[in-house]
Amino acid sequence: MKFEDLEVWKRSSRLCADLYKHFQDIKDFARFLQYSKGSCGELRTQIYIGIDIDYIEPAVGKKWIQETKELSAMLVGLSKSLRKIN
């Protein structure tokens, strides 16, 4: 009998493939989180520029800047938790 015909081999092989797909998805998601954090930084820069050229009211800009900082911190936390899984 060939080992490829054994049910235990078939199931364990499928499990390995499923695990690989799962962790590959996590890696892709973690990379997306890094892009998102970078986008928060880019948005913050645009807000600062908008304030400097009087396009955005300082009080509104300050609120938005704080929001981007908090979102960035949340993205970092989520990214760190994914690294523990992976």
N, C-alpha and C. Protein backbone atom coordinates (compact mmCIF):
# COMPACT_ATOMS: atom_id res chain seq x y z
N MET A 1 0.84 -1.18 0.00
CA MET A 1 0.00 0.00 0.00
C MET A 1 0.89 1.25 0.00
N LYS A 2 0.52 2.23 -0.82
CA LYS A 2 1.27 3.48 -0.88
C LYS A 2 0.78 4.40 0.24
N PHE A 3 1.72 5.15 0.82
CA PHE A 3 1.33 6.04 1.90
C PHE A 3 0.37 7.13 1.40
N GLU A 4 0.45 7.48 0.11
CA GLU A 4 -0.44 8.50 -0.45
C GLU A 4 -1.91 8.05 -0.43
N ASP A 5 -2.14 6.77 -0.30
CA ASP A 5 -3.51 6.24 -0.26
C ASP A 5 -4.07 6.21 1.16
N LEU A 6 -3.23 6.41 2.15
CA LEU A 6 -3.68 6.35 3.54
C LEU A 6 -4.49 7.60 3.90
N GLU A 7 -5.60 7.38 4.56
CA GLU A 7 -6.46 8.50 4.97
C GLU A 7 -5.73 9.45 5.91
N VAL A 8 -4.93 8.91 6.80
CA VAL A 8 -4.19 9.75 7.74
C VAL A 8 -3.24 10.69 6.99
N TRP A 9 -2.62 10.20 5.95
CA TRP A 9 -1.71 11.05 5.16
C TRP A 9 -2.50 12.12 4.42
N LYS A 10 -3.62 11.75 3.83
CA LYS A 10 -4.44 12.70 3.09
C LYS A 10 -4.92 13.83 4.00
N ARG A 11 -5.40 13.46 5.17
CA ARG A 11 -5.94 14.47 6.09
C ARG A 11 -4.84 15.37 6.64
N SER A 12 -3.72 14.78 6.99
CA SER A 12 -2.63 15.61 7.53
C SER A 12 -2.05 16.52 6.45
N SER A 13 -2.02 16.04 5.23
CA SER A 13 -1.56 16.86 4.12
C SER A 13 -2.49 18.06 3.89
N ARG A 14 -3.80 17.81 3.95
CA ARG A 14 -4.77 18.90 3.81
C ARG A 14 -4.65 19.90 4.95
N LEU A 15 -4.43 19.38 6.16
CA LEU A 15 -4.27 20.26 7.31
C LEU A 15 -3.06 21.16 7.13
N CYS A 16 -1.96 20.61 6.69
CA CYS A 16 -0.76 21.42 6.44
C CYS A 16 -1.02 22.51 5.41
N ALA A 17 -1.71 22.16 4.35
CA ALA A 17 -2.04 23.14 3.31
C ALA A 17 -2.95 24.24 3.87
N ASP A 18 -3.94 23.84 4.67
CA ASP A 18 -4.84 24.82 5.27
C ASP A 18 -4.09 25.77 6.21
N LEU A 19 -3.19 25.20 7.01
CA LEU A 19 -2.40 26.03 7.92
C LEU A 19 -1.54 27.03 7.14
N TYR A 20 -0.94 26.57 6.08
CA TYR A 20 -0.12 27.46 5.27
C TYR A 20 -0.97 28.61 4.71
N LYS A 21 -2.14 28.28 4.18
CA LYS A 21 -3.02 29.32 3.63
C LYS A 21 -3.43 30.32 4.70
N HIS A 22 -3.76 29.80 5.88
CA HIS A 22 -4.19 30.66 6.98
C HIS A 22 -3.08 31.64 7.35
N PHE A 23 -1.89 31.13 7.55
CA PHE A 23 -0.79 32.00 7.97
C PHE A 23 -0.32 32.90 6.84
N GLN A 24 -0.48 32.49 5.61
CA GLN A 24 -0.17 33.37 4.49
C GLN A 24 -1.14 34.55 4.48
N ASP A 25 -2.42 34.27 4.77
CA ASP A 25 -3.40 35.35 4.85
C ASP A 25 -3.05 36.33 5.96
N ILE A 26 -2.57 35.81 7.10
CA ILE A 26 -2.18 36.67 8.20
C ILE A 26 -1.00 37.55 7.79
N LYS A 27 -0.03 36.97 7.08
CA LYS A 27 1.11 37.77 6.61
C LYS A 27 0.64 38.88 5.67
N ASP A 28 -0.27 38.55 4.77
CA ASP A 28 -0.80 39.57 3.86
C ASP A 28 -1.54 40.66 4.62
N PHE A 29 -2.34 40.26 5.62
CA PHE A 29 -3.08 41.22 6.41
C PHE A 29 -2.12 42.10 7.21
N ALA A 30 -1.07 41.51 7.77
CA ALA A 30 -0.08 42.28 8.52
C ALA A 30 0.59 43.31 7.62
N ARG A 31 0.88 42.94 6.41
CA ARG A 31 1.48 43.88 5.45
C ARG A 31 0.49 45.02 5.15
N PHE A 32 -0.79 44.68 5.00
CA PHE A 32 -1.81 45.69 4.77
C PHE A 32 -1.89 46.66 5.95
N LEU A 33 -1.74 46.15 7.18
CA LEU A 33 -1.76 47.03 8.35
C LEU A 33 -0.61 48.02 8.30
N GLN A 34 0.56 47.57 7.84
CA GLN A 34 1.70 48.48 7.71
C GLN A 34 1.40 49.57 6.69
N TYR A 35 0.80 49.20 5.58
CA TYR A 35 0.41 50.21 4.57
C TYR A 35 -0.59 51.20 5.17
N SER A 36 -1.52 50.68 5.95
CA SER A 36 -2.54 51.54 6.56
C SER A 36 -1.92 52.52 7.53
N LYS A 37 -0.96 52.05 8.31
CA LYS A 37 -0.27 52.94 9.25
C LYS A 37 0.47 54.03 8.48
N GLY A 38 1.11 53.66 7.39
CA GLY A 38 1.79 54.65 6.56
C GLY A 38 0.81 55.67 5.99
N SER A 39 -0.36 55.21 5.61
CA SER A 39 -1.39 56.12 5.09
C SER A 39 -1.85 57.10 6.16
N CYS A 40 -1.92 56.65 7.40
CA CYS A 40 -2.27 57.56 8.49
C CYS A 40 -1.23 58.67 8.62
N GLY A 41 0.03 58.29 8.49
CA GLY A 41 1.10 59.29 8.55
C GLY A 41 1.02 60.27 7.39
N GLU A 42 0.72 59.77 6.22
CA GLU A 42 0.57 60.64 5.05
C GLU A 42 -0.59 61.60 5.24
N LEU A 43 -1.70 61.10 5.76
CA LEU A 43 -2.86 61.95 6.00
C LEU A 43 -2.52 63.03 7.03
N ARG A 44 -1.81 62.65 8.07
CA ARG A 44 -1.41 63.61 9.10
C ARG A 44 -0.58 64.73 8.48
N THR A 45 0.34 64.37 7.59
CA THR A 45 1.16 65.37 6.90
C THR A 45 0.28 66.33 6.11
N GLN A 46 -0.70 65.79 5.39
CA GLN A 46 -1.60 66.63 4.60
C GLN A 46 -2.43 67.55 5.49
N ILE A 47 -2.80 67.06 6.65
CA ILE A 47 -3.55 67.90 7.59
C ILE A 47 -2.68 69.05 8.07
N TYR A 48 -1.43 68.75 8.43
CA TYR A 48 -0.50 69.81 8.86
C TYR A 48 -0.35 70.86 7.76
N ILE A 49 -0.20 70.41 6.53
CA ILE A 49 -0.07 71.34 5.41
C ILE A 49 -1.35 72.17 5.26
N GLY A 50 -2.49 71.51 5.35
CA GLY A 50 -3.77 72.21 5.26
C GLY A 50 -3.92 73.29 6.32
N ILE A 51 -3.44 73.00 7.52
CA ILE A 51 -3.47 74.00 8.60
C ILE A 51 -2.53 75.15 8.26
N ASP A 52 -1.32 74.82 7.82
CA ASP A 52 -0.31 75.84 7.51
C ASP A 52 -0.74 76.80 6.41
N ILE A 53 -1.51 76.32 5.45
CA ILE A 53 -1.94 77.19 4.35
C ILE A 53 -3.36 77.71 4.56
N ASP A 54 -3.84 77.58 5.80
CA ASP A 54 -5.17 78.08 6.19
C ASP A 54 -6.32 77.45 5.41
N TYR A 55 -6.13 76.22 5.00
CA TYR A 55 -7.20 75.50 4.31
C TYR A 55 -8.05 74.72 5.32
N ILE A 56 -7.43 74.37 6.45
CA ILE A 56 -8.11 73.64 7.52
C ILE A 56 -8.01 74.48 8.79
N GLU A 57 -9.12 74.62 9.48
CA GLU A 57 -9.12 75.34 10.75
C GLU A 57 -8.25 74.58 11.75
N PRO A 58 -7.41 75.30 12.50
CA PRO A 58 -6.51 74.62 13.44
C PRO A 58 -7.21 73.69 14.43
N ALA A 59 -8.35 74.09 14.96
CA ALA A 59 -9.06 73.24 15.93
C ALA A 59 -9.52 71.94 15.28
N VAL A 60 -10.03 72.04 14.07
CA VAL A 60 -10.47 70.84 13.35
C VAL A 60 -9.26 69.98 13.01
N GLY A 61 -8.21 70.62 12.52
CA GLY A 61 -6.99 69.89 12.16
C GLY A 61 -6.39 69.16 13.36
N LYS A 62 -6.38 69.84 14.51
CA LYS A 62 -5.84 69.22 15.72
C LYS A 62 -6.63 67.96 16.08
N LYS A 63 -7.94 68.04 15.94
CA LYS A 63 -8.81 66.88 16.22
C LYS A 63 -8.48 65.73 15.26
N TRP A 64 -8.34 66.05 13.99
CA TRP A 64 -8.03 65.02 12.99
C TRP A 64 -6.64 64.43 13.20
N ILE A 65 -5.69 65.28 13.57
CA ILE A 65 -4.34 64.79 13.84
C ILE A 65 -4.37 63.80 14.99
N GLN A 66 -5.09 64.15 16.05
CA GLN A 66 -5.20 63.24 17.19
C GLN A 66 -5.83 61.92 16.78
N GLU A 67 -6.85 62.00 15.93
CA GLU A 67 -7.51 60.77 15.45
C GLU A 67 -6.53 59.89 14.68
N THR A 68 -5.72 60.49 13.81
CA THR A 68 -4.75 59.69 13.05
C THR A 68 -3.71 59.07 13.98
N LYS A 69 -3.32 59.79 15.02
CA LYS A 69 -2.36 59.23 15.98
C LYS A 69 -2.95 58.03 16.71
N GLU A 70 -4.20 58.15 17.12
CA GLU A 70 -4.85 57.04 17.82
C GLU A 70 -5.05 55.85 16.90
N LEU A 71 -5.45 56.11 15.67
CA LEU A 71 -5.61 55.01 14.71
C LEU A 71 -4.28 54.32 14.43
N SER A 72 -3.21 55.11 14.30
CA SER A 72 -1.89 54.52 14.08
C SER A 72 -1.50 53.61 15.24
N ALA A 73 -1.76 54.07 16.46
CA ALA A 73 -1.43 53.26 17.64
C ALA A 73 -2.25 51.97 17.65
N MET A 74 -3.50 52.05 17.26
CA MET A 74 -4.34 50.86 17.21
C MET A 74 -3.83 49.88 16.15
N LEU A 75 -3.41 50.41 15.02
CA LEU A 75 -2.86 49.55 13.96
C LEU A 75 -1.58 48.86 14.43
N VAL A 76 -0.74 49.59 15.17
CA VAL A 76 0.49 48.99 15.70
C VAL A 76 0.14 47.87 16.67
N GLY A 77 -0.83 48.10 17.54
CA GLY A 77 -1.24 47.07 18.49
C GLY A 77 -1.77 45.83 17.80
N LEU A 78 -2.58 46.02 16.78
CA LEU A 78 -3.10 44.89 16.03
C LEU A 78 -1.98 44.14 15.32
N SER A 79 -1.06 44.89 14.77
CA SER A 79 0.08 44.28 14.08
C SER A 79 0.93 43.45 15.05
N LYS A 80 1.16 43.98 16.24
CA LYS A 80 1.93 43.24 17.25
C LYS A 80 1.21 41.95 17.66
N SER A 81 -0.10 42.02 17.80
CA SER A 81 -0.83 40.81 18.19
C SER A 81 -0.76 39.75 17.09
N LEU A 82 -0.73 40.17 15.84
CA LEU A 82 -0.59 39.21 14.75
C LEU A 82 0.79 38.55 14.76
N ARG A 83 1.81 39.32 15.13
CA ARG A 83 3.16 38.75 15.19
C ARG A 83 3.25 37.66 16.25
N LYS A 84 2.49 37.80 17.33
CA LYS A 84 2.48 36.77 18.37
C LYS A 84 1.86 35.48 17.85
N ILE A 85 0.83 35.62 17.01
CA ILE A 85 0.17 34.45 16.42
C ILE A 85 1.08 33.77 15.43
N ASN A 86 1.74 34.58 14.64
CA ASN A 86 2.55 34.08 13.53
C ASN A 86 3.87 33.67 14.07
